[in-house]
Structures are given as structure tokens and as C-alpha cells.
Amino acid sequence: MGRLPERLVPIYDIIGHYHMTTCPDLRIGQLFSNFQAWLEKEVGTDIYYLEDYRFLEYLEKYLDTLEKKEINK
């Protein structure tokens, strides 16, 4: 049995909220490209292999680093 498509709705809601409140000037491709680079450098893993819950966990950590950079400008 495959993954349930219904699981995607809350995930996209969370991603959209983070994107709109943390870095709305970034295009979606920029957000994910920058996140992937950060993930490889800071965590040492590939975005391709992450389960959804880990993706969101690491995305939150990544966006926290963006917020801290903005605060320290």
C-alpha cells in the first residue's frame, strides 16, 4: 500500500505558513534550493530520502536560521 495523499494537505499548509511568514520574498524554487544546500551542509543528508516529518523538522530549523540572520542585520 502506498502513502496516503491526505497527509500532504497539512504539510503544504505548514510549508506555506513558514514561507509566507519567514521568507516571502523568496521564490519557491529558491526556498527549496537553499534549504537543500543547507540540509546537505548542516545535517549531512539528502532531501530525497527524508520522511515528511523529518523534512518539516529540518525545514523549521533552517527557517529559524533565516529569522536569526534577519534579526542580526
PDB file of N, CA and C in Angstrom:
ATOM      1  N   MET A   1       0.832  -1.184   0.000  1.00  0.00           N
ATOM      2  CA  MET A   1       0.000   0.000   0.000  1.00  0.00           C
ATOM      3  C   MET A   1       0.875   1.245   0.000  1.00  0.00           C
ATOM      4  N   GLY A   2       0.504   2.236  -0.778  1.00  0.00           N
ATOM      5  CA  GLY A   2       1.273   3.472  -0.879  1.00  0.00           C
ATOM      6  C   GLY A   2       0.945   4.447   0.242  1.00  0.00           C
ATOM      7  N   ARG A   3       1.568   5.579   0.167  1.00  0.00           N
ATOM      8  CA  ARG A   3       1.335   6.631   1.154  1.00  0.00           C
ATOM      9  C   ARG A   3      -0.018   7.290   0.905  1.00  0.00           C
ATOM     10  N   LEU A   4      -0.621   7.756   1.951  1.00  0.00           N
ATOM     11  CA  LEU A   4      -1.926   8.403   1.850  1.00  0.00           C
ATOM     12  C   LEU A   4      -1.766   9.838   1.346  1.00  0.00           C
ATOM     13  N   PRO A   5      -2.427  10.183   0.253  1.00  0.00           N
ATOM     14  CA  PRO A   5      -2.323  11.547  -0.272  1.00  0.00           C
ATOM     15  C   PRO A   5      -2.828  12.606   0.709  1.00  0.00           C
ATOM     16  N   GLU A   6      -3.740  12.240   1.585  1.00  0.00           N
ATOM     17  CA  GLU A   6      -4.300  13.192   2.544  1.00  0.00           C
ATOM     18  C   GLU A   6      -3.242  13.777   3.473  1.00  0.00           C
ATOM     19  N   ARG A   7      -2.130  13.073   3.641  1.00  0.00           N
ATOM     20  CA  ARG A   7      -1.075  13.550   4.529  1.00  0.00           C
ATOM     21  C   ARG A   7      -0.443  14.834   4.010  1.00  0.00           C
ATOM     22  N   LEU A   8      -0.613  15.109   2.717  1.00  0.00           N
ATOM     23  CA  LEU A   8       0.053  16.253   2.096  1.00  0.00           C
ATOM     24  C   LEU A   8      -0.571  17.591   2.462  1.00  0.00           C
ATOM     25  N   VAL A   9      -1.862  17.627   2.704  1.00  0.00           N
ATOM     26  CA  VAL A   9      -2.544  18.895   2.964  1.00  0.00           C
ATOM     27  C   VAL A   9      -1.941  19.627   4.167  1.00  0.00           C
ATOM     28  N   PRO A  10      -1.821  18.986   5.336  1.00  0.00           N
ATOM     29  CA  PRO A  10      -1.229  19.724   6.459  1.00  0.00           C
ATOM     30  C   PRO A  10       0.244  20.068   6.224  1.00  0.00           C
ATOM     31  N   ILE A  11       0.942  19.230   5.492  1.00  0.00           N
ATOM     32  CA  ILE A  11       2.349  19.517   5.203  1.00  0.00           C
ATOM     33  C   ILE A  11       2.469  20.784   4.367  1.00  0.00           C
ATOM     34  N   TYR A  12       1.665  20.892   3.309  1.00  0.00           N
ATOM     35  CA  TYR A  12       1.712  22.081   2.464  1.00  0.00           C
ATOM     36  C   TYR A  12       1.219  23.313   3.211  1.00  0.00           C
ATOM     37  N   ASP A  13       0.263  23.139   4.103  1.00  0.00           N
ATOM     38  CA  ASP A  13      -0.190  24.263   4.929  1.00  0.00           C
ATOM     39  C   ASP A  13       0.959  24.792   5.783  1.00  0.00           C
ATOM     40  N   ILE A  14       1.697  23.887   6.398  1.00  0.00           N
ATOM     41  CA  ILE A  14       2.825  24.272   7.251  1.00  0.00           C
ATOM     42  C   ILE A  14       3.910  24.946   6.418  1.00  0.00           C
ATOM     43  N   ILE A  15       4.266  24.350   5.287  1.00  0.00           N
ATOM     44  CA  ILE A  15       5.295  24.931   4.417  1.00  0.00           C
ATOM     45  C   ILE A  15       4.860  26.322   3.953  1.00  0.00           C
ATOM     46  N   GLY A  16       3.611  26.456   3.533  1.00  0.00           N
ATOM     47  CA  GLY A  16       3.112  27.748   3.080  1.00  0.00           C
ATOM     48  C   GLY A  16       3.169  28.797   4.179  1.00  0.00           C
ATOM     49  N   HIS A  17       2.783  28.416   5.382  1.00  0.00           N
ATOM     50  CA  HIS A  17       2.834  29.346   6.508  1.00  0.00           C
ATOM     51  C   HIS A  17       4.271  29.807   6.756  1.00  0.00           C
ATOM     52  N   TYR A  18       5.206  28.854   6.836  1.00  0.00           N
ATOM     53  CA  TYR A  18       6.614  29.207   7.055  1.00  0.00           C
ATOM     54  C   TYR A  18       7.121  30.121   5.947  1.00  0.00           C
ATOM     55  N   HIS A  19       6.794  29.787   4.715  1.00  0.00           N
ATOM     56  CA  HIS A  19       7.279  30.562   3.569  1.00  0.00           C
ATOM     57  C   HIS A  19       6.726  31.991   3.635  1.00  0.00           C
ATOM     58  N   MET A  20       5.444  32.125   3.891  1.00  0.00           N
ATOM     59  CA  MET A  20       4.824  33.457   3.907  1.00  0.00           C
ATOM     60  C   MET A  20       5.292  34.314   5.076  1.00  0.00           C
ATOM     61  N   THR A  21       5.592  33.689   6.209  1.00  0.00           N
ATOM     62  CA  THR A  21       5.952  34.469   7.395  1.00  0.00           C
ATOM     63  C   THR A  21       7.452  34.646   7.585  1.00  0.00           C
ATOM     64  N   THR A  22       8.248  33.776   6.997  1.00  0.00           N
ATOM     65  CA  THR A  22       9.689  33.823   7.230  1.00  0.00           C
ATOM     66  C   THR A  22      10.459  34.432   6.069  1.00  0.00           C
ATOM     67  N   CYS A  23      10.092  34.059   4.856  1.00  0.00           N
ATOM     68  CA  CYS A  23      10.879  34.497   3.697  1.00  0.00           C
ATOM     69  C   CYS A  23       9.995  34.660   2.460  1.00  0.00           C
ATOM     70  N   PRO A  24       8.996  35.541   2.521  1.00  0.00           N
ATOM     71  CA  PRO A  24       8.048  35.665   1.420  1.00  0.00           C
ATOM     72  C   PRO A  24       8.654  36.204   0.125  1.00  0.00           C
ATOM     73  N   ASP A  25       9.822  36.832   0.209  1.00  0.00           N
ATOM     74  CA  ASP A  25      10.450  37.368  -0.998  1.00  0.00           C
ATOM     75  C   ASP A  25      11.112  36.281  -1.844  1.00  0.00           C
ATOM     76  N   LEU A  26      11.360  35.124  -1.243  1.00  0.00           N
ATOM     77  CA  LEU A  26      11.969  34.026  -1.997  1.00  0.00           C
ATOM     78  C   LEU A  26      10.933  33.335  -2.874  1.00  0.00           C
ATOM     79  N   ARG A  27      11.341  33.012  -4.088  1.00  0.00           N
ATOM     80  CA  ARG A  27      10.500  32.148  -4.918  1.00  0.00           C
ATOM     81  C   ARG A  27      10.575  30.738  -4.327  1.00  0.00           C
ATOM     82  N   ILE A  28       9.581  29.927  -4.606  1.00  0.00           N
ATOM     83  CA  ILE A  28       9.522  28.580  -4.011  1.00  0.00           C
ATOM     84  C   ILE A  28      10.762  27.765  -4.364  1.00  0.00           C
ATOM     85  N   GLY A  29      11.227  27.902  -5.602  1.00  0.00           N
ATOM     86  CA  GLY A  29      12.434  27.182  -6.011  1.00  0.00           C
ATOM     87  C   GLY A  29      13.662  27.631  -5.238  1.00  0.00           C
ATOM     88  N   GLN A  30      13.732  28.921  -4.965  1.00  0.00           N
ATOM     89  CA  GLN A  30      14.856  29.439  -4.172  1.00  0.00           C
ATOM     90  C   GLN A  30      14.808  28.886  -2.751  1.00  0.00           C
ATOM     91  N   LEU A  31      13.612  28.881  -2.177  1.00  0.00           N
ATOM     92  CA  LEU A  31      13.460  28.361  -0.822  1.00  0.00           C
ATOM     93  C   LEU A  31      13.938  26.918  -0.747  1.00  0.00           C
ATOM     94  N   PHE A  32      13.467  26.074  -1.654  1.00  0.00           N
ATOM     95  CA  PHE A  32      13.833  24.661  -1.597  1.00  0.00           C
ATOM     96  C   PHE A  32      15.278  24.411  -1.998  1.00  0.00           C
ATOM     97  N   SER A  33      15.792  25.175  -2.942  1.00  0.00           N
ATOM     98  CA  SER A  33      17.197  25.027  -3.327  1.00  0.00           C
ATOM     99  C   SER A  33      18.115  25.411  -2.170  1.00  0.00           C
ATOM    100  N   ASN A  34      17.818  26.542  -1.530  1.00  0.00           N
ATOM    101  CA  ASN A  34      18.619  26.978  -0.382  1.00  0.00           C
ATOM    102  C   ASN A  34      18.496  25.996   0.778  1.00  0.00           C
ATOM    103  N   PHE A  35      17.291  25.491   0.991  1.00  0.00           N
ATOM    104  CA  PHE A  35      17.076  24.511   2.054  1.00  0.00           C
ATOM    105  C   PHE A  35      17.862  23.242   1.783  1.00  0.00           C
ATOM    106  N   GLN A  36      17.840  22.783   0.541  1.00  0.00           N
ATOM    107  CA  GLN A  36      18.582  21.568   0.201  1.00  0.00           C
ATOM    108  C   GLN A  36      20.075  21.751   0.437  1.00  0.00           C
ATOM    109  N   ALA A  37      20.622  22.902   0.047  1.00  0.00           N
ATOM    110  CA  ALA A  37      22.050  23.166   0.262  1.00  0.00           C
ATOM    111  C   ALA A  37      22.368  23.201   1.755  1.00  0.00           C
ATOM    112  N   TRP A  38      21.513  23.871   2.532  1.00  0.00           N
ATOM    113  CA  TRP A  38      21.698  23.926   3.980  1.00  0.00           C
ATOM    114  C   TRP A  38      21.642  22.536   4.589  1.00  0.00           C
ATOM    115  N   LEU A  39      20.674  21.740   4.146  1.00  0.00           N
ATOM    116  CA  LEU A  39      20.479  20.394   4.663  1.00  0.00           C
ATOM    117  C   LEU A  39      21.711  19.522   4.421  1.00  0.00           C
ATOM    118  N   GLU A  40      22.261  19.599   3.236  1.00  0.00           N
ATOM    119  CA  GLU A  40      23.455  18.807   2.922  1.00  0.00           C
ATOM    120  C   GLU A  40      24.645  19.264   3.752  1.00  0.00           C
ATOM    121  N   LYS A  41      24.807  20.580   3.917  1.00  0.00           N
ATOM    122  CA  LYS A  41      25.953  21.108   4.658  1.00  0.00           C
ATOM    123  C   LYS A  41      25.819  20.904   6.165  1.00  0.00           C
ATOM    124  N   GLU A  42      24.664  21.261   6.714  1.00  0.00           N
ATOM    125  CA  GLU A  42      24.492  21.271   8.171  1.00  0.00           C
ATOM    126  C   GLU A  42      24.073  19.923   8.754  1.00  0.00           C
ATOM    127  N   VAL A  43      23.326  19.152   8.004  1.00  0.00           N
ATOM    128  CA  VAL A  43      22.794  17.888   8.528  1.00  0.00           C
ATOM    129  C   VAL A  43      23.510  16.687   7.905  1.00  0.00           C
ATOM    130  N   GLY A  44      23.999  16.879   6.690  1.00  0.00           N
ATOM    131  CA  GLY A  44      24.703  15.800   6.013  1.00  0.00           C
ATOM    132  C   GLY A  44      23.783  14.756   5.419  1.00  0.00           C
ATOM    133  N   THR A  45      22.613  15.191   4.989  1.00  0.00           N
ATOM    134  CA  THR A  45      21.681  14.256   4.381  1.00  0.00           C
ATOM    135  C   THR A  45      21.113  14.840   3.097  1.00  0.00           C
ATOM    136  N   ASP A  46      20.523  13.991   2.318  1.00  0.00           N
ATOM    137  CA  ASP A  46      19.930  14.367   1.048  1.00  0.00           C
ATOM    138  C   ASP A  46      18.424  14.519   1.229  1.00  0.00           C
ATOM    139  N   ILE A  47      17.871  15.584   0.689  1.00  0.00           N
ATOM    140  CA  ILE A  47      16.442  15.869   0.805  1.00  0.00           C
ATOM    141  C   ILE A  47      15.586  14.720   0.256  1.00  0.00           C
ATOM    142  N   TYR A  48      16.113  14.010  -0.700  1.00  0.00           N
ATOM    143  CA  TYR A  48      15.372  12.946  -1.384  1.00  0.00           C
ATOM    144  C   TYR A  48      14.937  11.835  -0.423  1.00  0.00           C
ATOM    145  N   TYR A  49      15.748  11.574   0.587  1.00  0.00           N
ATOM    146  CA  TYR A  49      15.498  10.430   1.460  1.00  0.00           C
ATOM    147  C   TYR A  49      14.734  10.766   2.740  1.00  0.00           C
ATOM    148  N   LEU A  50      14.388  12.024   2.934  1.00  0.00           N
ATOM    149  CA  LEU A  50      13.724  12.418   4.175  1.00  0.00           C
ATOM    150  C   LEU A  50      12.257  12.005   4.188  1.00  0.00           C
ATOM    151  N   GLU A  51      11.827  11.482   5.313  1.00  0.00           N
ATOM    152  CA  GLU A  51      10.402  11.286   5.535  1.00  0.00           C
ATOM    153  C   GLU A  51       9.787  12.662   5.773  1.00  0.00           C
ATOM    154  N   ASP A  52       8.498  12.765   5.570  1.00  0.00           N
ATOM    155  CA  ASP A  52       7.825  14.056   5.657  1.00  0.00           C
ATOM    156  C   ASP A  52       8.040  14.740   7.005  1.00  0.00           C
ATOM    157  N   TYR A  53       7.942  13.992   8.089  1.00  0.00           N
ATOM    158  CA  TYR A  53       8.082  14.605   9.405  1.00  0.00           C
ATOM    159  C   TYR A  53       9.490  15.141   9.614  1.00  0.00           C
ATOM    160  N   ARG A  54      10.502  14.450   9.079  1.00  0.00           N
ATOM    161  CA  ARG A  54      11.885  14.937   9.181  1.00  0.00           C
ATOM    162  C   ARG A  54      12.082  16.167   8.295  1.00  0.00           C
ATOM    163  N   PHE A  55      11.480  16.151   7.108  1.00  0.00           N
ATOM    164  CA  PHE A  55      11.549  17.302   6.212  1.00  0.00           C
ATOM    165  C   PHE A  55      11.055  18.548   6.941  1.00  0.00           C
ATOM    166  N   LEU A  56       9.897  18.440   7.579  1.00  0.00           N
ATOM    167  CA  LEU A  56       9.334  19.586   8.296  1.00  0.00           C
ATOM    168  C   LEU A  56      10.188  19.981   9.494  1.00  0.00           C
ATOM    169  N   GLU A  57      10.733  19.010  10.190  1.00  0.00           N
ATOM    170  CA  GLU A  57      11.597  19.284  11.340  1.00  0.00           C
ATOM    171  C   GLU A  57      12.814  20.088  10.902  1.00  0.00           C
ATOM    172  N   TYR A  58      13.476  19.646   9.841  1.00  0.00           N
ATOM    173  CA  TYR A  58      14.671  20.338   9.359  1.00  0.00           C
ATOM    174  C   TYR A  58      14.326  21.669   8.692  1.00  0.00           C
ATOM    175  N   LEU A  59      13.197  21.739   8.011  1.00  0.00           N
ATOM    176  CA  LEU A  59      12.786  23.000   7.401  1.00  0.00           C
ATOM    177  C   LEU A  59      12.579  24.063   8.480  1.00  0.00           C
ATOM    178  N   GLU A  60      11.957  23.670   9.578  1.00  0.00           N
ATOM    179  CA  GLU A  60      11.751  24.612  10.679  1.00  0.00           C
ATOM    180  C   GLU A  60      13.095  25.109  11.217  1.00  0.00           C
ATOM    181  N   LYS A  61      14.049  24.219  11.386  1.00  0.00           N
ATOM    182  CA  LYS A  61      15.382  24.620  11.858  1.00  0.00           C
ATOM    183  C   LYS A  61      16.048  25.566  10.859  1.00  0.00           C
ATOM    184  N   TYR A  62      15.930  25.245   9.574  1.00  0.00           N
ATOM    185  CA  TYR A  62      16.510  26.097   8.541  1.00  0.00           C
ATOM    186  C   TYR A  62      15.883  27.487   8.562  1.00  0.00           C
ATOM    187  N   LEU A  63      14.556  27.555   8.636  1.00  0.00           N
ATOM    188  CA  LEU A  63      13.880  28.848   8.639  1.00  0.00           C
ATOM    189  C   LEU A  63      14.188  29.639   9.899  1.00  0.00           C
ATOM    190  N   ASP A  64      14.426  28.950  11.005  1.00  0.00           N
ATOM    191  CA  ASP A  64      14.868  29.644  12.224  1.00  0.00           C
ATOM    192  C   ASP A  64      16.199  30.334  11.989  1.00  0.00           C
ATOM    193  N   THR A  65      17.091  29.695  11.229  1.00  0.00           N
ATOM    194  CA  THR A  65      18.377  30.342  10.941  1.00  0.00           C
ATOM    195  C   THR A  65      18.174  31.582  10.083  1.00  0.00           C
ATOM    196  N   LEU A  66      17.204  31.557   9.177  1.00  0.00           N
ATOM    197  CA  LEU A  66      16.915  32.747   8.358  1.00  0.00           C
ATOM    198  C   LEU A  66      16.375  33.874   9.225  1.00  0.00           C
ATOM    199  N   GLU A  67      15.489  33.536  10.155  1.00  0.00           N
ATOM    200  CA  GLU A  67      14.936  34.555  11.049  1.00  0.00           C
ATOM    201  C   GLU A  67      16.031  35.189  11.892  1.00  0.00           C
ATOM    202  N   LYS A  68      16.966  34.392  12.397  1.00  0.00           N
ATOM    203  CA  LYS A  68      18.059  34.918  13.220  1.00  0.00           C
ATOM    204  C   LYS A  68      18.963  35.820  12.402  1.00  0.00           C
ATOM    205  N   LYS A  69      19.199  35.479  11.144  1.00  0.00           N
ATOM    206  CA  LYS A  69      20.012  36.339  10.281  1.00  0.00           C
ATOM    207  C   LYS A  69      19.337  37.683  10.072  1.00  0.00           C
ATOM    208  N   GLU A  70      18.025  37.676   9.889  1.00  0.00           N
ATOM    209  CA  GLU A  70      17.273  38.924   9.708  1.00  0.00           C
ATOM    210  C   GLU A  70      17.333  39.795  10.955  1.00  0.00           C
ATOM    211  N   ILE A  71      17.219  39.168  12.114  1.00  0.00           N
ATOM    212  CA  ILE A  71      17.234  39.900  13.381  1.00  0.00           C
ATOM    213  C   ILE A  71      18.600  40.539  13.607  1.00  0.00           C
ATOM    214  N   ASN A  72      19.668  39.840  13.214  1.00  0.00           N
ATOM    215  CA  ASN A  72      21.022  40.318  13.472  1.00  0.00           C
ATOM    216  C   ASN A  72      21.553  41.270  12.413  1.00  0.00           C
ATOM    217  N   LYS A  73      20.746  41.643  11.450  1.00  0.00           N
ATOM    218  CA  LYS A  73      21.205  42.584  10.408  1.00  0.00           C
ATOM    219  C   LYS A  73      21.385  43.965  10.966  1.00  0.00           C
TER     220      LYS A  73
END
